All heavy atoms as atom14 arrays in JSON, in Angstrom:
{
  "sequence": "LIEARGLRVHRGDNLLPPVDLAVHAGEVVLLEGPSGAGKSSIIAALLG",
  "atom14_mask": [
    [1, 1, 1, 1, 1, 1, 1, 1, 0, 0, 0, 0, 0, 0],
    [1, 1, 1, 1, 1, 1, 1, 1, 0, 0, 0, 0, 0, 0],
    [1, 1, 1, 1, 1, 1, 1, 1, 1, 0, 0, 0, 0, 0],
    [1, 1, 1, 1, 1, 0, 0, 0, 0, 0, 0, 0, 0, 0],
    [1, 1, 1, 1, 1, 1, 1, 1, 1, 1, 1, 0, 0, 0],
    [1, 1, 1, 1, 0, 0, 0, 0, 0, 0, 0, 0, 0, 0],
    [1, 1, 1, 1, 1, 1, 1, 1, 0, 0, 0, 0, 0, 0],
    [1, 1, 1, 1, 1, 1, 1, 1, 1, 1, 1, 0, 0, 0],
    [1, 1, 1, 1, 1, 1, 1, 0, 0, 0, 0, 0, 0, 0],
    [1, 1, 1, 1, 1, 1, 1, 1, 1, 1, 0, 0, 0, 0],
    [1, 1, 1, 1, 1, 1, 1, 1, 1, 1, 1, 0, 0, 0],
    [1, 1, 1, 1, 0, 0, 0, 0, 0, 0, 0, 0, 0, 0],
    [1, 1, 1, 1, 1, 1, 1, 1, 0, 0, 0, 0, 0, 0],
    [1, 1, 1, 1, 1, 1, 1, 1, 0, 0, 0, 0, 0, 0],
    [1, 1, 1, 1, 1, 1, 1, 1, 0, 0, 0, 0, 0, 0],
    [1, 1, 1, 1, 1, 1, 1, 1, 0, 0, 0, 0, 0, 0],
    [1, 1, 1, 1, 1, 1, 1, 0, 0, 0, 0, 0, 0, 0],
    [1, 1, 1, 1, 1, 1, 1, 0, 0, 0, 0, 0, 0, 0],
    [1, 1, 1, 1, 1, 1, 1, 0, 0, 0, 0, 0, 0, 0],
    [1, 1, 1, 1, 1, 1, 1, 1, 0, 0, 0, 0, 0, 0],
    [1, 1, 1, 1, 1, 1, 1, 1, 0, 0, 0, 0, 0, 0],
    [1, 1, 1, 1, 1, 0, 0, 0, 0, 0, 0, 0, 0, 0],
    [1, 1, 1, 1, 1, 1, 1, 0, 0, 0, 0, 0, 0, 0],
    [1, 1, 1, 1, 1, 1, 1, 1, 1, 1, 0, 0, 0, 0],
    [1, 1, 1, 1, 1, 0, 0, 0, 0, 0, 0, 0, 0, 0],
    [1, 1, 1, 1, 0, 0, 0, 0, 0, 0, 0, 0, 0, 0],
    [1, 1, 1, 1, 1, 1, 1, 1, 1, 0, 0, 0, 0, 0],
    [1, 1, 1, 1, 1, 1, 1, 0, 0, 0, 0, 0, 0, 0],
    [1, 1, 1, 1, 1, 1, 1, 0, 0, 0, 0, 0, 0, 0],
    [1, 1, 1, 1, 1, 1, 1, 1, 0, 0, 0, 0, 0, 0],
    [1, 1, 1, 1, 1, 1, 1, 1, 0, 0, 0, 0, 0, 0],
    [1, 1, 1, 1, 1, 1, 1, 1, 1, 0, 0, 0, 0, 0],
    [1, 1, 1, 1, 0, 0, 0, 0, 0, 0, 0, 0, 0, 0],
    [1, 1, 1, 1, 1, 1, 1, 0, 0, 0, 0, 0, 0, 0],
    [1, 1, 1, 1, 1, 1, 0, 0, 0, 0, 0, 0, 0, 0],
    [1, 1, 1, 1, 0, 0, 0, 0, 0, 0, 0, 0, 0, 0],
    [1, 1, 1, 1, 1, 0, 0, 0, 0, 0, 0, 0, 0, 0],
    [1, 1, 1, 1, 0, 0, 0, 0, 0, 0, 0, 0, 0, 0],
    [1, 1, 1, 1, 1, 1, 1, 1, 1, 0, 0, 0, 0, 0],
    [1, 1, 1, 1, 1, 1, 0, 0, 0, 0, 0, 0, 0, 0],
    [1, 1, 1, 1, 1, 1, 0, 0, 0, 0, 0, 0, 0, 0],
    [1, 1, 1, 1, 1, 1, 1, 1, 0, 0, 0, 0, 0, 0],
    [1, 1, 1, 1, 1, 1, 1, 1, 0, 0, 0, 0, 0, 0],
    [1, 1, 1, 1, 1, 0, 0, 0, 0, 0, 0, 0, 0, 0],
    [1, 1, 1, 1, 1, 0, 0, 0, 0, 0, 0, 0, 0, 0],
    [1, 1, 1, 1, 1, 1, 1, 1, 0, 0, 0, 0, 0, 0],
    [1, 1, 1, 1, 1, 1, 1, 1, 0, 0, 0, 0, 0, 0],
    [1, 1, 1, 1, 0, 0, 0, 0, 0, 0, 0, 0, 0, 0]
  ],
  "atom14_positions": [
    [[14.61, 7.3, 14.06], [15.53, 6.91, 12.78], [15.26, 7.75, 11.57], [16.24, 8.02, 10.97], [15.26, 5.37, 12.59], [15.67, 4.44, 13.75], [15.22, 3.0, 13.31], [17.19, 4.38, 14.07], [0.0, 0.0, 0.0], [0.0, 0.0, 0.0], [0.0, 0.0, 0.0], [0.0, 0.0, 0.0], [0.0, 0.0, 0.0], [0.0, 0.0, 0.0]],
    [[13.98, 7.93, 11.45], [13.57, 8.78, 10.26], [12.45, 9.65, 10.9], [11.63, 9.32, 11.51], [12.9, 8.01, 9.13], [13.94, 7.15, 8.56], [12.36, 8.96, 7.99], [13.48, 6.08, 7.44], [0.0, 0.0, 0.0], [0.0, 0.0, 0.0], [0.0, 0.0, 0.0], [0.0, 0.0, 0.0], [0.0, 0.0, 0.0], [0.0, 0.0, 0.0]],
    [[12.6, 11.06, 10.5], [11.68, 12.04, 11.01], [11.5, 12.96, 9.77], [12.42, 13.58, 9.36], [12.06, 12.78, 12.15], [11.03, 13.73, 12.69], [11.41, 14.36, 14.0], [12.56, 14.21, 14.47], [10.59, 15.09, 14.68], [0.0, 0.0, 0.0], [0.0, 0.0, 0.0], [0.0, 0.0, 0.0], [0.0, 0.0, 0.0], [0.0, 0.0, 0.0]],
    [[10.21, 13.19, 9.38], [9.82, 14.24, 8.38], [8.87, 15.26, 8.96], [7.91, 14.84, 9.75], [9.02, 13.43, 7.24], [0.0, 0.0, 0.0], [0.0, 0.0, 0.0], [0.0, 0.0, 0.0], [0.0, 0.0, 0.0], [0.0, 0.0, 0.0], [0.0, 0.0, 0.0], [0.0, 0.0, 0.0], [0.0, 0.0, 0.0], [0.0, 0.0, 0.0]],
    [[9.24, 16.42, 8.8], [8.47, 17.57, 9.33], [7.93, 18.41, 8.13], [8.75, 18.96, 7.36], [9.3, 18.47, 10.27], [9.93, 17.61, 11.44], [11.03, 18.51, 12.11], [11.61, 17.87, 13.25], [12.59, 18.21, 13.95], [13.12, 19.49, 13.65], [13.12, 17.64, 14.96], [0.0, 0.0, 0.0], [0.0, 0.0, 0.0], [0.0, 0.0, 0.0]],
    [[6.66, 18.47, 7.96], [6.05, 19.17, 7.01], [6.48, 18.76, 5.55], [6.6, 19.5, 4.7], [0.0, 0.0, 0.0], [0.0, 0.0, 0.0], [0.0, 0.0, 0.0], [0.0, 0.0, 0.0], [0.0, 0.0, 0.0], [0.0, 0.0, 0.0], [0.0, 0.0, 0.0], [0.0, 0.0, 0.0], [0.0, 0.0, 0.0], [0.0, 0.0, 0.0]],
    [[6.62, 17.5, 5.47], [6.93, 16.85, 4.17], [5.89, 16.99, 3.15], [4.82, 16.44, 3.22], [7.34, 15.32, 4.31], [7.92, 14.54, 3.11], [9.27, 15.03, 2.98], [7.9, 13.11, 3.33], [0.0, 0.0, 0.0], [0.0, 0.0, 0.0], [0.0, 0.0, 0.0], [0.0, 0.0, 0.0], [0.0, 0.0, 0.0], [0.0, 0.0, 0.0]],
    [[6.23, 17.63, 2.03], [5.27, 17.96, 0.93], [5.95, 17.48, -0.29], [6.98, 17.97, -0.77], [4.93, 19.41, 0.83], [4.44, 19.99, 2.0], [3.78, 21.45, 1.91], [2.54, 21.14, 1.19], [1.82, 22.38, 0.62], [2.18, 23.55, 0.89], [0.62, 22.07, 0.0], [0.0, 0.0, 0.0], [0.0, 0.0, 0.0], [0.0, 0.0, 0.0]],
    [[5.44, 16.4, -0.82], [6.02, 15.7, -2.01], [5.62, 16.33, -3.29], [4.37, 16.68, -3.4], [5.7, 14.23, -2.01], [6.39, 13.48, -3.24], [6.09, 13.5, -0.63], [0.0, 0.0, 0.0], [0.0, 0.0, 0.0], [0.0, 0.0, 0.0], [0.0, 0.0, 0.0], [0.0, 0.0, 0.0], [0.0, 0.0, 0.0], [0.0, 0.0, 0.0]],
    [[6.59, 16.52, -4.24], [6.16, 17.03, -5.52], [5.46, 15.93, -6.37], [5.91, 14.85, -6.39], [7.33, 17.49, -6.25], [7.96, 18.8, -5.77], [7.67, 20.02, -6.32], [8.83, 19.05, -4.82], [8.28, 21.1, -5.67], [9.01, 20.46, -4.75], [0.0, 0.0, 0.0], [0.0, 0.0, 0.0], [0.0, 0.0, 0.0], [0.0, 0.0, 0.0]],
    [[4.43, 16.35, -7.03], [3.67, 15.4, -8.0], [3.55, 16.27, -9.17], [2.59, 16.99, -9.35], [2.38, 14.89, -7.51], [1.69, 14.0, -8.55], [0.47, 13.46, -8.0], [0.57, 12.49, -6.91], [-0.41, 12.04, -6.09], [-1.66, 12.5, -6.32], [-0.24, 11.06, -5.27], [0.0, 0.0, 0.0], [0.0, 0.0, 0.0], [0.0, 0.0, 0.0]],
    [[4.58, 16.07, -10.15], [4.54, 17.03, -11.38], [4.89, 18.46, -10.95], [5.8, 18.67, -10.2], [0.0, 0.0, 0.0], [0.0, 0.0, 0.0], [0.0, 0.0, 0.0], [0.0, 0.0, 0.0], [0.0, 0.0, 0.0], [0.0, 0.0, 0.0], [0.0, 0.0, 0.0], [0.0, 0.0, 0.0], [0.0, 0.0, 0.0], [0.0, 0.0, 0.0]],
    [[4.06, 19.29, -11.24], [4.09, 20.78, -10.93], [3.32, 21.12, -9.5], [3.3, 22.34, -9.13], [3.74, 21.63, -11.92], [4.56, 21.58, -13.16], [5.77, 21.17, -13.04], [4.1, 21.79, -14.32], [0.0, 0.0, 0.0], [0.0, 0.0, 0.0], [0.0, 0.0, 0.0], [0.0, 0.0, 0.0], [0.0, 0.0, 0.0], [0.0, 0.0, 0.0]],
    [[2.83, 20.04, -8.83], [2.05, 20.25, -7.59], [2.77, 19.78, -6.46], [3.64, 18.85, -6.42], [0.72, 19.52, -7.89], [-0.12, 20.17, -9.09], [-0.19, 21.41, -9.25], [-0.25, 19.14, -9.98], [0.0, 0.0, 0.0], [0.0, 0.0, 0.0], [0.0, 0.0, 0.0], [0.0, 0.0, 0.0], [0.0, 0.0, 0.0], [0.0, 0.0, 0.0]],
    [[2.29, 20.21, -5.31], [2.73, 19.72, -3.97], [1.6, 19.05, -3.24], [0.44, 19.53, -3.2], [3.28, 20.9, -3.03], [4.73, 21.51, -3.44], [5.0, 22.66, -2.7], [5.76, 20.5, -3.16], [0.0, 0.0, 0.0], [0.0, 0.0, 0.0], [0.0, 0.0, 0.0], [0.0, 0.0, 0.0], [0.0, 0.0, 0.0], [0.0, 0.0, 0.0]],
    [[1.85, 17.84, -2.73], [0.87, 17.26, -1.88], [0.75, 17.86, -0.64], [1.7, 18.65, -0.1], [1.18, 15.67, -1.77], [1.28, 14.88, -3.16], [1.53, 13.46, -2.96], [-0.17, 15.05, -3.85], [0.0, 0.0, 0.0], [0.0, 0.0, 0.0], [0.0, 0.0, 0.0], [0.0, 0.0, 0.0], [0.0, 0.0, 0.0], [0.0, 0.0, 0.0]],
    [[-0.25, 17.69, 0.17], [-0.48, 18.21, 1.56], [0.65, 17.83, 2.42], [1.24, 16.62, 2.23], [-1.79, 17.56, 1.98], [-2.54, 17.33, 0.73], [-1.61, 16.93, -0.2], [0.0, 0.0, 0.0], [0.0, 0.0, 0.0], [0.0, 0.0, 0.0], [0.0, 0.0, 0.0], [0.0, 0.0, 0.0], [0.0, 0.0, 0.0], [0.0, 0.0, 0.0]],
    [[0.98, 18.56, 3.4], [2.16, 18.29, 4.29], [1.87, 17.07, 5.15], [0.64, 16.82, 5.61], [2.33, 19.52, 5.11], [1.07, 20.18, 5.12], [0.51, 19.91, 3.74], [0.0, 0.0, 0.0], [0.0, 0.0, 0.0], [0.0, 0.0, 0.0], [0.0, 0.0, 0.0], [0.0, 0.0, 0.0], [0.0, 0.0, 0.0], [0.0, 0.0, 0.0]],
    [[2.93, 16.38, 5.48], [2.82, 15.13, 6.35], [3.91, 15.11, 7.35], [5.1, 15.47, 7.05], [2.98, 13.84, 5.52], [2.9, 12.64, 6.49], [1.75, 13.73, 4.55], [0.0, 0.0, 0.0], [0.0, 0.0, 0.0], [0.0, 0.0, 0.0], [0.0, 0.0, 0.0], [0.0, 0.0, 0.0], [0.0, 0.0, 0.0], [0.0, 0.0, 0.0]],
    [[3.63, 14.86, 8.65], [4.56, 14.71, 9.66], [4.81, 13.25, 10.02], [3.68, 12.55, 10.19], [4.16, 15.48, 10.99], [4.14, 16.98, 10.7], [5.02, 17.49, 9.98], [3.36, 17.73, 11.24], [0.0, 0.0, 0.0], [0.0, 0.0, 0.0], [0.0, 0.0, 0.0], [0.0, 0.0, 0.0], [0.0, 0.0, 0.0], [0.0, 0.0, 0.0]],
    [[5.92, 12.78, 10.06], [6.13, 11.42, 10.12], [7.42, 11.09, 10.94], [8.34, 11.88, 10.88], [6.24, 10.75, 8.79], [6.73, 9.27, 8.67], [5.55, 8.42, 9.13], [7.01, 8.91, 7.23], [0.0, 0.0, 0.0], [0.0, 0.0, 0.0], [0.0, 0.0, 0.0], [0.0, 0.0, 0.0], [0.0, 0.0, 0.0], [0.0, 0.0, 0.0]],
    [[7.36, 10.1, 11.82], [8.56, 9.77, 12.68], [8.49, 8.28, 12.91], [7.39, 7.7, 13.15], [8.53, 10.46, 13.96], [0.0, 0.0, 0.0], [0.0, 0.0, 0.0], [0.0, 0.0, 0.0], [0.0, 0.0, 0.0], [0.0, 0.0, 0.0], [0.0, 0.0, 0.0], [0.0, 0.0, 0.0], [0.0, 0.0, 0.0], [0.0, 0.0, 0.0]],
    [[9.64, 7.6, 12.65], [9.78, 6.14, 12.83], [10.94, 5.88, 13.87], [11.98, 6.24, 13.49], [10.03, 5.43, 11.5], [10.27, 3.92, 11.74], [9.06, 5.78, 10.42], [0.0, 0.0, 0.0], [0.0, 0.0, 0.0], [0.0, 0.0, 0.0], [0.0, 0.0, 0.0], [0.0, 0.0, 0.0], [0.0, 0.0, 0.0], [0.0, 0.0, 0.0]],
    [[10.66, 5.34, 15.05], [11.59, 5.1, 16.02], [11.98, 3.62, 15.88], [11.24, 2.72, 15.24], [11.06, 5.34, 17.45], [10.97, 6.75, 17.69], [9.76, 7.46, 17.2], [11.6, 7.72, 18.39], [9.74, 8.68, 17.61], [10.93, 8.85, 18.37], [0.0, 0.0, 0.0], [0.0, 0.0, 0.0], [0.0, 0.0, 0.0], [0.0, 0.0, 0.0]],
    [[13.13, 3.35, 16.44], [13.56, 1.94, 16.5], [12.62, 1.07, 17.37], [12.09, 1.58, 18.52], [14.98, 1.82, 17.17], [0.0, 0.0, 0.0], [0.0, 0.0, 0.0], [0.0, 0.0, 0.0], [0.0, 0.0, 0.0], [0.0, 0.0, 0.0], [0.0, 0.0, 0.0], [0.0, 0.0, 0.0], [0.0, 0.0, 0.0], [0.0, 0.0, 0.0]],
    [[12.2, -0.11, 16.99], [11.32, -0.88, 17.76], [9.86, -0.73, 17.6], [9.1, -1.26, 18.29], [0.0, 0.0, 0.0], [0.0, 0.0, 0.0], [0.0, 0.0, 0.0], [0.0, 0.0, 0.0], [0.0, 0.0, 0.0], [0.0, 0.0, 0.0], [0.0, 0.0, 0.0], [0.0, 0.0, 0.0], [0.0, 0.0, 0.0], [0.0, 0.0, 0.0]],
    [[9.57, 0.14, 16.6], [8.06, 0.34, 16.38], [7.56, 0.19, 14.92], [8.36, 0.32, 14.08], [7.6, 1.87, 16.86], [8.13, 2.89, 15.91], [7.57, 4.3, 16.33], [6.78, 4.27, 17.32], [7.88, 5.31, 15.77], [0.0, 0.0, 0.0], [0.0, 0.0, 0.0], [0.0, 0.0, 0.0], [0.0, 0.0, 0.0], [0.0, 0.0, 0.0]],
    [[6.25, -0.07, 14.77], [5.74, -0.25, 13.44], [4.9, 0.98, 13.27], [3.94, 1.18, 13.93], [4.91, -1.52, 13.36], [4.23, -1.52, 11.86], [5.73, -2.77, 13.55], [0.0, 0.0, 0.0], [0.0, 0.0, 0.0], [0.0, 0.0, 0.0], [0.0, 0.0, 0.0], [0.0, 0.0, 0.0], [0.0, 0.0, 0.0], [0.0, 0.0, 0.0]],
    [[5.12, 1.74, 12.18], [4.35, 2.93, 11.89], [3.66, 2.6, 10.52], [4.17, 2.16, 9.49], [5.19, 4.14, 11.62], [4.45, 5.37, 11.12], [6.0, 4.46, 12.89], [0.0, 0.0, 0.0], [0.0, 0.0, 0.0], [0.0, 0.0, 0.0], [0.0, 0.0, 0.0], [0.0, 0.0, 0.0], [0.0, 0.0, 0.0], [0.0, 0.0, 0.0]],
    [[2.2, 2.75, 10.54], [1.46, 2.41, 9.37], [1.03, 3.67, 8.75], [0.44, 4.56, 9.36], [0.16, 1.66, 9.86], [-0.91, 1.35, 8.79], [-0.28, 0.47, 7.69], [-2.1, 0.64, 9.5], [0.0, 0.0, 0.0], [0.0, 0.0, 0.0], [0.0, 0.0, 0.0], [0.0, 0.0, 0.0], [0.0, 0.0, 0.0], [0.0, 0.0, 0.0]],
    [[1.22, 3.79, 7.41], [0.78, 4.88, 6.49], [-0.61, 4.42, 5.98], [-0.68, 3.46, 5.22], [1.73, 5.25, 5.42], [2.87, 6.18, 5.82], [3.75, 6.34, 4.58], [2.45, 7.41, 6.45], [0.0, 0.0, 0.0], [0.0, 0.0, 0.0], [0.0, 0.0, 0.0], [0.0, 0.0, 0.0], [0.0, 0.0, 0.0], [0.0, 0.0, 0.0]],
    [[-1.68, 5.11, 6.38], [-3.02, 4.8, 5.75], [-3.52, 5.98, 4.95], [-3.11, 7.14, 5.13], [-3.96, 4.56, 6.8], [-3.97, 3.22, 7.36], [-5.19, 2.87, 8.32], [-5.85, 3.95, 8.79], [-5.43, 1.66, 8.56], [0.0, 0.0, 0.0], [0.0, 0.0, 0.0], [0.0, 0.0, 0.0], [0.0, 0.0, 0.0], [0.0, 0.0, 0.0]],
    [[-4.37, 5.65, 4.03], [-5.02, 6.7, 3.13], [-5.57, 6.14, 1.89], [-5.26, 5.1, 1.43], [0.0, 0.0, 0.0], [0.0, 0.0, 0.0], [0.0, 0.0, 0.0], [0.0, 0.0, 0.0], [0.0, 0.0, 0.0], [0.0, 0.0, 0.0], [0.0, 0.0, 0.0], [0.0, 0.0, 0.0], [0.0, 0.0, 0.0], [0.0, 0.0, 0.0]],
    [[-6.54, 6.84, 1.32], [-7.1, 6.36, 0.06], [-6.12, 6.29, -1.09], [-5.03, 6.98, -1.13], [-8.3, 7.42, -0.32], [-7.8, 8.69, 0.51], [-7.03, 8.23, 1.74], [0.0, 0.0, 0.0], [0.0, 0.0, 0.0], [0.0, 0.0, 0.0], [0.0, 0.0, 0.0], [0.0, 0.0, 0.0], [0.0, 0.0, 0.0], [0.0, 0.0, 0.0]],
    [[-6.52, 5.58, -2.12], [-5.61, 5.5, -3.28], [-5.43, 6.9, -3.9], [-6.45, 7.64, -4.08], [-6.2, 4.59, -4.46], [-6.24, 3.16, -3.78], [0.0, 0.0, 0.0], [0.0, 0.0, 0.0], [0.0, 0.0, 0.0], [0.0, 0.0, 0.0], [0.0, 0.0, 0.0], [0.0, 0.0, 0.0], [0.0, 0.0, 0.0], [0.0, 0.0, 0.0]],
    [[-4.3, 7.22, -4.22], [-4.01, 8.56, -4.83], [-3.6, 9.66, -3.93], [-3.33, 10.77, -4.19], [0.0, 0.0, 0.0], [0.0, 0.0, 0.0], [0.0, 0.0, 0.0], [0.0, 0.0, 0.0], [0.0, 0.0, 0.0], [0.0, 0.0, 0.0], [0.0, 0.0, 0.0], [0.0, 0.0, 0.0], [0.0, 0.0, 0.0], [0.0, 0.0, 0.0]],
    [[-3.67, 9.21, -2.61], [-3.29, 10.29, -1.58], [-1.89, 10.61, -1.55], [-1.54, 11.73, -1.16], [-3.76, 9.74, -0.19], [0.0, 0.0, 0.0], [0.0, 0.0, 0.0], [0.0, 0.0, 0.0], [0.0, 0.0, 0.0], [0.0, 0.0, 0.0], [0.0, 0.0, 0.0], [0.0, 0.0, 0.0], [0.0, 0.0, 0.0], [0.0, 0.0, 0.0]],
    [[-0.97, 9.59, -1.93], [0.49, 10.0, -2.04], [1.26, 9.16, -1.05], [2.37, 9.54, -0.71], [0.0, 0.0, 0.0], [0.0, 0.0, 0.0], [0.0, 0.0, 0.0], [0.0, 0.0, 0.0], [0.0, 0.0, 0.0], [0.0, 0.0, 0.0], [0.0, 0.0, 0.0], [0.0, 0.0, 0.0], [0.0, 0.0, 0.0], [0.0, 0.0, 0.0]],
    [[0.75, 7.89, -0.6], [1.67, 7.21, 0.3], [2.86, 6.62, -0.19], [4.0, 6.71, 0.15], [0.72, 6.01, 0.85], [-0.59, 6.46, 1.48], [-1.43, 5.31, 1.9], [-1.89, 4.3, 0.96], [-2.77, 4.97, -0.15], [0.0, 0.0, 0.0], [0.0, 0.0, 0.0], [0.0, 0.0, 0.0], [0.0, 0.0, 0.0], [0.0, 0.0, 0.0]],
    [[2.72, 6.09, -1.59], [3.96, 5.68, -2.28], [4.9, 6.72, -2.53], [6.06, 6.68, -2.61], [3.47, 4.85, -3.49], [2.8, 3.75, -3.17], [0.0, 0.0, 0.0], [0.0, 0.0, 0.0], [0.0, 0.0, 0.0], [0.0, 0.0, 0.0], [0.0, 0.0, 0.0], [0.0, 0.0, 0.0], [0.0, 0.0, 0.0], [0.0, 0.0, 0.0]],
    [[4.28, 7.94, -2.82], [5.04, 9.11, -3.16], [5.92, 9.57, -1.84], [7.13, 9.97, -1.92], [4.21, 10.3, -3.54], [3.51, 9.97, -4.7], [0.0, 0.0, 0.0], [0.0, 0.0, 0.0], [0.0, 0.0, 0.0], [0.0, 0.0, 0.0], [0.0, 0.0, 0.0], [0.0, 0.0, 0.0], [0.0, 0.0, 0.0], [0.0, 0.0, 0.0]],
    [[5.38, 9.28, -0.64], [6.16, 9.56, 0.45], [7.34, 8.59, 0.68], [8.45, 9.0, 1.0], [5.17, 9.51, 1.82], [4.2, 10.62, 1.81], [6.07, 9.64, 3.06], [3.14, 10.47, 2.88], [0.0, 0.0, 0.0], [0.0, 0.0, 0.0], [0.0, 0.0, 0.0], [0.0, 0.0, 0.0], [0.0, 0.0, 0.0], [0.0, 0.0, 0.0]],
    [[7.06, 7.44, 0.42], [8.06, 6.41, 0.37], [9.25, 6.78, -0.58], [10.45, 6.71, -0.35], [7.7, 5.05, 0.19], [6.67, 4.62, 1.33], [8.8, 4.01, 0.0], [7.16, 4.37, 2.58], [0.0, 0.0, 0.0], [0.0, 0.0, 0.0], [0.0, 0.0, 0.0], [0.0, 0.0, 0.0], [0.0, 0.0, 0.0], [0.0, 0.0, 0.0]],
    [[8.75, 7.15, -1.83], [9.78, 7.61, -2.89], [10.64, 8.75, -2.43], [11.88, 8.8, -2.65], [8.92, 7.9, -4.22], [0.0, 0.0, 0.0], [0.0, 0.0, 0.0], [0.0, 0.0, 0.0], [0.0, 0.0, 0.0], [0.0, 0.0, 0.0], [0.0, 0.0, 0.0], [0.0, 0.0, 0.0], [0.0, 0.0, 0.0], [0.0, 0.0, 0.0]],
    [[9.88, 9.79, -1.76], [10.66, 10.88, -1.18], [11.82, 10.43, -0.18], [12.92, 10.96, -0.17], [9.76, 11.93, -0.66], [0.0, 0.0, 0.0], [0.0, 0.0, 0.0], [0.0, 0.0, 0.0], [0.0, 0.0, 0.0], [0.0, 0.0, 0.0], [0.0, 0.0, 0.0], [0.0, 0.0, 0.0], [0.0, 0.0, 0.0], [0.0, 0.0, 0.0]],
    [[11.3, 9.55, 0.74], [12.33, 9.04, 1.71], [13.5, 8.38, 1.03], [14.62, 8.44, 1.7], [11.66, 8.07, 2.63], [10.5, 8.77, 3.6], [9.91, 7.67, 4.44], [11.0, 9.97, 4.34], [0.0, 0.0, 0.0], [0.0, 0.0, 0.0], [0.0, 0.0, 0.0], [0.0, 0.0, 0.0], [0.0, 0.0, 0.0], [0.0, 0.0, 0.0]],
    [[13.21, 7.69, -0.01], [14.26, 7.03, -0.84], [15.18, 7.92, -1.61], [16.23, 7.54, -2.18], [13.67, 5.87, -1.66], [13.19, 4.75, -0.99], [12.29, 3.87, -1.83], [14.26, 3.74, -0.4], [0.0, 0.0, 0.0], [0.0, 0.0, 0.0], [0.0, 0.0, 0.0], [0.0, 0.0, 0.0], [0.0, 0.0, 0.0], [0.0, 0.0, 0.0]],
    [[14.7, 9.21, -1.82], [15.39, 10.16, -2.66], [14.97, 10.13, -4.07], [15.72, 10.57, -4.87], [0.0, 0.0, 0.0], [0.0, 0.0, 0.0], [0.0, 0.0, 0.0], [0.0, 0.0, 0.0], [0.0, 0.0, 0.0], [0.0, 0.0, 0.0], [0.0, 0.0, 0.0], [0.0, 0.0, 0.0], [0.0, 0.0, 0.0], [0.0, 0.0, 0.0]]
  ]
}
């Protein structure tokens, strides 16, 4: 349903490390990481 390849989110003038992500129908995908890693930024990028 959603697939991100080498997704690097802009944070100001910087780029966060690349992330590969895929969400299929019928599955739960968990994004984990320390605070400030950019998990919410990835969601924001998916939302446009």
